[in-house]
Protein backbone atom coordinates (compact mmCIF):
# COMPACT_ATOMS: atom_id res chain seq x y z
CA MET A 1 17.44 24.71 -13.39
CA SER A 2 20.85 23.10 -13.51
CA GLU A 3 22.11 20.64 -10.90
CA LYS A 4 25.48 19.14 -10.12
CA LEU A 5 26.01 15.94 -12.07
CA GLN A 6 26.91 13.83 -9.02
CA LYS A 7 23.65 14.82 -7.34
CA VAL A 8 21.61 13.82 -10.40
CA LEU A 9 23.40 10.47 -10.71
CA ALA A 10 22.89 9.78 -7.02
CA ARG A 11 19.18 10.56 -7.27
CA CYS A 12 18.97 8.12 -10.16
CA GLY A 13 20.15 5.39 -7.79
CA LEU A 14 23.54 4.76 -9.37
CA GLY A 15 25.32 5.17 -6.05
CA SER A 16 25.80 7.57 -3.18
CA ARG A 17 26.90 11.11 -4.01
CA ARG A 18 30.39 10.32 -2.74
CA GLU A 19 30.57 7.24 -4.99
CA MET A 20 29.38 9.30 -7.96
CA GLU A 21 32.02 11.96 -7.32
CA ALA A 22 34.69 9.25 -7.48
CA ALA A 23 33.13 7.80 -10.65
CA ILE A 24 33.08 11.21 -12.37
CA ASP A 25 36.68 11.78 -11.35
CA ALA A 26 37.51 8.40 -12.94
CA GLY A 27 35.95 9.47 -16.26
CA ARG A 28 32.96 7.12 -16.13
CA ALA A 29 30.34 9.79 -16.90
CA SER A 30 29.73 11.98 -19.96
CA ILE A 31 27.48 14.93 -20.81
CA ASN A 32 26.38 15.37 -24.42
CA GLY A 33 29.26 13.17 -25.60
CA ALA A 34 32.03 14.91 -23.61
CA THR A 35 33.69 13.32 -20.60
CA ALA A 36 32.31 14.96 -17.49
CA LYS A 37 34.41 16.68 -14.86
CA LEU A 38 33.74 17.00 -11.17
CA GLY A 39 31.69 20.15 -10.63
CA ASP A 40 29.89 19.99 -14.01
CA ARG A 41 26.22 20.92 -13.93
CA VAL A 42 23.46 19.49 -16.09
CA GLU A 43 19.97 20.49 -17.20
CA ALA A 44 16.92 18.40 -18.07
CA GLU A 45 17.67 18.31 -21.83
CA ASP A 46 21.29 17.13 -21.45
CA LEU A 47 22.24 13.60 -22.55
CA ILE A 48 23.98 11.88 -19.65
CA ARG A 49 25.76 8.57 -19.93
CA PHE A 50 27.26 6.51 -17.14
CA ASP A 51 29.65 3.67 -18.03
CA GLY A 52 28.45 4.16 -21.61
CA ASN A 53 24.78 3.66 -20.76
CA LYS A 54 22.19 6.41 -21.14
CA VAL A 55 20.82 7.68 -17.85
CA ASN A 56 17.06 8.19 -18.02
CA THR A 57 16.67 11.01 -15.52
CA GLN A 58 12.95 11.40 -16.16
CA LEU A 59 12.23 7.73 -15.46
CA ALA A 60 14.27 7.96 -12.28
CA ALA A 61 12.40 11.10 -11.23
CA ASP A 62 9.10 9.21 -11.52
CA GLU A 63 10.35 6.37 -9.30
CA PRO A 64 9.44 6.90 -5.62
CA CYS A 65 12.04 6.77 -2.89
CA ARG A 66 12.16 3.28 -1.41
CA VAL A 67 13.87 1.95 1.71
CA LEU A 68 14.48 -1.64 2.77
CA ILE A 69 15.32 -3.05 6.19
CA TYR A 70 17.69 -6.01 5.83
CA HIS A 71 18.75 -8.48 8.54
CA LYS A 72 22.39 -9.20 7.73
CA SER A 73 23.87 -12.51 8.82
CA ASP A 74 27.47 -12.87 9.87
CA GLY A 75 29.45 -14.33 6.97
CA GLU A 76 27.75 -12.07 4.42
CA ILE A 77 29.68 -9.20 2.86
CA CYS A 78 28.42 -5.76 1.84
CA SER A 79 30.03 -5.71 -1.63
CA ARG A 80 28.08 -6.31 -4.82
CA SER A 81 30.34 -9.20 -5.79
CA ASP A 82 33.21 -11.11 -4.23
CA PRO A 83 36.09 -12.87 -6.04
CA GLU A 84 36.21 -15.39 -3.17
CA GLY A 85 32.60 -16.35 -3.77
CA ARG A 86 31.34 -15.35 -0.33
CA PRO A 87 27.61 -14.54 -0.03
CA THR A 88 26.75 -10.88 -0.60
CA VAL A 89 23.80 -8.98 0.85
CA PHE A 90 22.94 -7.51 -2.56
CA ALA A 91 22.14 -10.96 -3.97
CA ARG A 92 19.17 -11.21 -1.60
CA LEU A 93 17.48 -7.93 -2.56
CA PRO A 94 14.53 -7.51 -4.96
CA ARG A 95 15.15 -6.24 -8.48
CA LEU A 96 14.68 -2.57 -9.31
CA ARG A 97 13.14 -1.24 -12.51
CA VAL A 98 15.42 1.82 -12.38
CA GLY A 99 18.77 2.37 -10.66
CA ARG A 100 20.11 0.04 -7.98
CA TRP A 101 20.03 -0.50 -4.25
CA ILE A 102 22.53 1.52 -2.23
CA ALA A 103 23.62 0.38 1.21
CA VAL A 104 23.40 2.98 3.96
CA GLY A 105 26.76 2.24 5.52
CA ARG A 106 28.29 -1.19 5.90
CA LEU A 107 28.70 -3.97 8.42
CA ASP A 108 31.85 -6.10 8.39
CA ILE A 109 31.69 -9.80 7.61
CA ASN A 110 31.55 -10.83 11.28
CA THR A 111 28.84 -8.32 12.26
CA GLN A 112 25.13 -8.98 11.88
CA GLY A 113 21.96 -7.00 12.26
CA LEU A 114 20.24 -4.01 10.70
CA LEU A 115 21.22 -2.69 7.28
CA LEU A 116 19.23 -0.06 5.40
CA PHE A 117 19.09 0.05 1.60
CA THR A 118 17.56 2.75 -0.59
CA ASN A 119 17.25 3.53 -4.29
CA ASP A 120 17.90 7.24 -3.55
CA GLY A 121 21.62 8.01 -3.53
CA GLU A 122 21.13 11.46 -2.02
CA LEU A 123 19.23 9.98 0.92
CA ALA A 124 21.93 7.33 1.41
CA ASN A 125 24.68 9.95 1.30
CA ARG A 126 23.01 12.15 3.91
CA LEU A 127 22.16 9.28 6.25
CA MET A 128 25.84 8.32 6.26
CA HIS A 129 27.23 11.85 6.51
CA PRO A 130 28.70 12.70 9.95
CA ARG A 131 27.11 16.18 10.03
CA PHE A 132 23.63 14.71 10.49
CA GLU A 133 24.79 12.60 13.47
CA VAL A 134 22.33 9.75 12.90
CA GLU A 135 22.47 7.52 15.97
CA ARG A 136 23.38 3.83 15.59
CA GLU A 137 22.71 1.28 18.33
CA TYR A 138 24.56 -2.02 18.78
CA ALA A 139 24.26 -5.03 21.04
CA VAL A 140 27.80 -6.07 22.00
CA ARG A 141 28.84 -9.35 23.58
CA ILE A 142 32.25 -9.21 25.18
CA PHE A 143 34.47 -11.84 26.70
CA GLY A 144 35.36 -11.07 30.29
CA GLN A 145 34.62 -8.16 32.57
CA VAL A 146 34.74 -4.46 31.69
CA SER A 147 35.69 -1.95 34.33
CA ASP A 148 33.66 1.18 34.99
CA ASP A 149 36.83 3.20 34.23
CA ALA A 150 37.10 1.66 30.75
CA MET A 151 33.43 2.41 30.07
CA GLN A 152 33.91 6.01 31.17
CA ARG A 153 36.90 6.41 28.84
CA LEU A 154 34.77 5.12 25.95
CA ARG A 155 32.07 7.67 26.78
CA THR A 156 34.58 10.50 27.03
CA GLY A 157 36.46 9.53 23.86
CA VAL A 158 39.41 7.38 22.85
CA GLN A 159 41.99 8.14 20.19
CA LEU A 160 41.93 5.80 17.19
CA GLU A 161 44.20 5.92 14.15
CA ASP A 162 41.54 7.92 12.25
CA GLY A 163 40.62 10.32 15.06
CA LEU A 164 38.73 10.61 18.33
CA ALA A 165 35.79 8.25 18.83
CA LYS A 166 33.26 7.89 21.64
CA PHE A 167 30.02 6.19 22.55
CA THR A 168 27.09 8.46 23.37
CA SER A 169 25.83 5.80 25.78
CA ILE A 170 26.87 2.42 27.22
CA LYS A 171 24.51 0.23 29.23
CA ARG A 172 25.14 -3.16 30.77
CA GLN A 173 22.61 -5.79 29.67
CA GLY A 174 23.70 -8.77 31.80
CA GLY A 175 25.06 -12.11 30.65
CA GLU A 176 26.20 -15.52 31.77
CA GLY A 177 29.64 -16.65 32.82
CA LEU A 178 32.46 -14.78 31.10
CA ASN A 179 30.20 -13.48 28.32
CA GLN A 180 28.64 -10.09 29.05
CA TRP A 181 26.19 -8.09 26.91
CA LEU A 182 26.18 -4.31 26.58
CA LYS A 183 24.14 -1.85 24.52
CA VAL A 184 26.08 1.03 22.96
CA THR A 185 25.16 3.99 20.77
CA LEU A 186 27.26 6.32 18.63
CA ASN A 187 26.61 9.03 16.03
CA GLU A 188 28.92 7.95 13.22
CA GLY A 189 29.86 4.83 11.30
CA ARG A 190 33.57 4.57 10.60
CA ASN A 191 35.06 1.26 9.48
CA ARG A 192 34.97 -1.31 12.33
CA GLU A 193 34.64 1.59 14.75
CA VAL A 194 32.78 -0.24 17.52
CA ARG A 195 35.22 -3.14 17.53
CA ARG A 196 38.26 -0.85 17.43
CA MET A 197 36.97 1.19 20.36
CA TRP A 198 36.67 -1.89 22.55
CA GLU A 199 40.05 -3.15 21.36
CA SER A 200 41.56 0.16 22.54
CA GLN A 201 40.57 -0.96 26.06
CA GLU A 202 41.95 -4.48 25.48
CA VAL A 203 38.42 -5.92 25.45
CA GLN A 204 37.53 -8.75 23.07
CA VAL A 205 34.21 -8.49 21.19
CA SER A 206 32.78 -11.95 20.55
CA ARG A 207 29.52 -10.85 18.90
CA LEU A 208 28.25 -7.59 17.44
CA ILE A 209 24.70 -6.84 16.26
CA ARG A 210 23.38 -3.52 14.97
CA THR A 211 19.84 -3.16 16.30
CA ARG A 212 18.82 0.39 15.38
CA TYR A 213 19.60 3.16 12.85
CA GLY A 214 18.03 6.46 13.88
CA GLN A 215 14.63 5.34 15.14
CA VAL A 216 14.38 2.44 12.67
CA ILE A 217 14.60 -0.77 14.69
CA LEU A 218 15.49 -4.25 13.42
CA PRO A 219 12.19 -6.19 13.61
CA LYS A 220 12.45 -9.20 15.91
CA GLN A 221 10.35 -11.30 13.53
CA LEU A 222 12.54 -10.60 10.46
CA PRO A 223 14.67 -13.70 9.69
CA ARG A 224 18.37 -13.41 8.94
CA SER A 225 19.20 -12.66 5.28
CA ALA A 226 15.63 -11.40 4.77
CA TRP A 227 14.39 -7.92 3.85
CA LYS A 228 11.31 -5.84 4.49
CA GLU A 229 10.24 -2.66 2.73
CA VAL A 230 9.25 0.21 5.01
CA ASP A 231 6.10 2.29 4.69
CA LEU A 232 5.79 5.89 3.53
CA GLN A 233 5.77 7.24 7.08
CA THR A 234 9.19 5.66 7.78
CA VAL A 235 10.59 6.82 4.43
CA ASN A 236 9.58 10.39 5.25
CA TYR A 237 10.93 10.12 8.80
CA LEU A 238 14.35 9.26 7.37
CA ARG A 239 14.11 12.02 4.77
CA SER A 240 13.08 14.66 7.32
CA MET A 241 15.93 13.64 9.63
CA VAL A 242 18.45 14.61 6.92
CA GLN A 243 16.55 17.64 5.61
CA LEU A 244 15.12 16.17 2.40
CA PRO A 245 11.56 16.90 1.22
CA ALA A 246 8.81 14.38 1.95
CA GLU A 247 7.70 11.82 -0.62
CA GLU A 248 4.05 11.64 -1.63
CA LYS A 249 4.04 7.97 -2.59
CA THR A 250 5.95 4.77 -2.11
CA LEU A 251 6.00 1.42 -3.87
CA LEU A 252 5.42 -1.65 -1.72
CA LYS A 253 5.99 -4.85 -3.62
CA VAL A 254 3.21 -7.43 -3.62
CA GLY A 255 4.24 -10.67 -1.97
CA ASP A 256 6.12 -9.38 1.05
CA LYS A 257 4.59 -11.96 3.38
CA ASP A 258 6.20 -10.54 6.49
CA ARG A 259 4.73 -7.09 5.87
CA THR A 260 1.37 -8.53 4.82
CA ARG A 261 1.21 -10.65 7.95
CA SER A 262 2.10 -7.66 10.15
CA ALA A 263 -0.63 -5.58 8.49
CA ARG A 264 -3.18 -8.34 9.11
CA ILE A 265 -2.16 -8.52 12.76
CA ARG A 266 -2.57 -4.75 13.16
CA ARG A 267 -6.01 -4.86 11.52
CA SER A 268 -7.03 -7.77 13.74
CA VAL A 269 -5.91 -5.91 16.87
CA ARG A 270 -7.83 -2.79 15.82
CA LYS A 271 -11.01 -4.80 15.20
CA HIS A 272 -10.63 -6.49 18.58
CA GLN A 273 -10.21 -3.11 20.30
CA ILE A 274 -13.32 -1.76 18.57
CA ARG A 275 -15.36 -4.78 19.70
CA LEU A 276 -14.18 -4.29 23.28
CA ARG A 277 -15.19 -0.62 23.23
CA GLN A 278 -18.65 -1.49 21.82
CA LYS A 279 -19.23 -3.87 24.72
């Protein structure tokens, strides 16, 4: 069966489907020696090249879907390289045998917290797409007081330059002095959206941390600029949320001390619970 070229390239981990559509439009892909056009379809026997390099679709098909949780520090950027020499999140990630890591959305240089990465471009594309309304949660530290009226306007919706935006929830989390913490959620991820929404109410954000994406939570024990690969159950939770079929296997790299330590703790707790029941 034939498939759209951008979907095949995305599944091979070369980028999200949207990125692959732009790359095809720019003439970076070819099918059987001819420059590909947006909308072209391919079959298993077709020779596909991307940036002149052969795309091994069979090898990519054998590679399981993988997802990483990454704890981004402020000061890091979400580009693969930076002419100014600033640290990039991609430099911290493990190497892939096939394809490359794709960021599920971005965080600006001054925002820290949870980033998801996957080697499956179709999964990345769907997790970012507004139609699936994947909830994001942020911890926000603001300078000064926020009125109840301003919070209600942010729940109802405020007009930004790129359209209406609103928080699905806002909860006060306390604070000290002039610094106050709030927890907010929203169902989309436009550029600097959280900051711009507060700025529309003349409120200054002094710190912003993404703490959750869907039901995937940033682990408290994960250090900044460190990553952790998720298990098969979490991979399939993310896939089911965006209507993709479940995976039957995953690939957890040996040497992930954080994951290994967590697994040992869980085993130790289970053994302790069994001993208590036996008594």
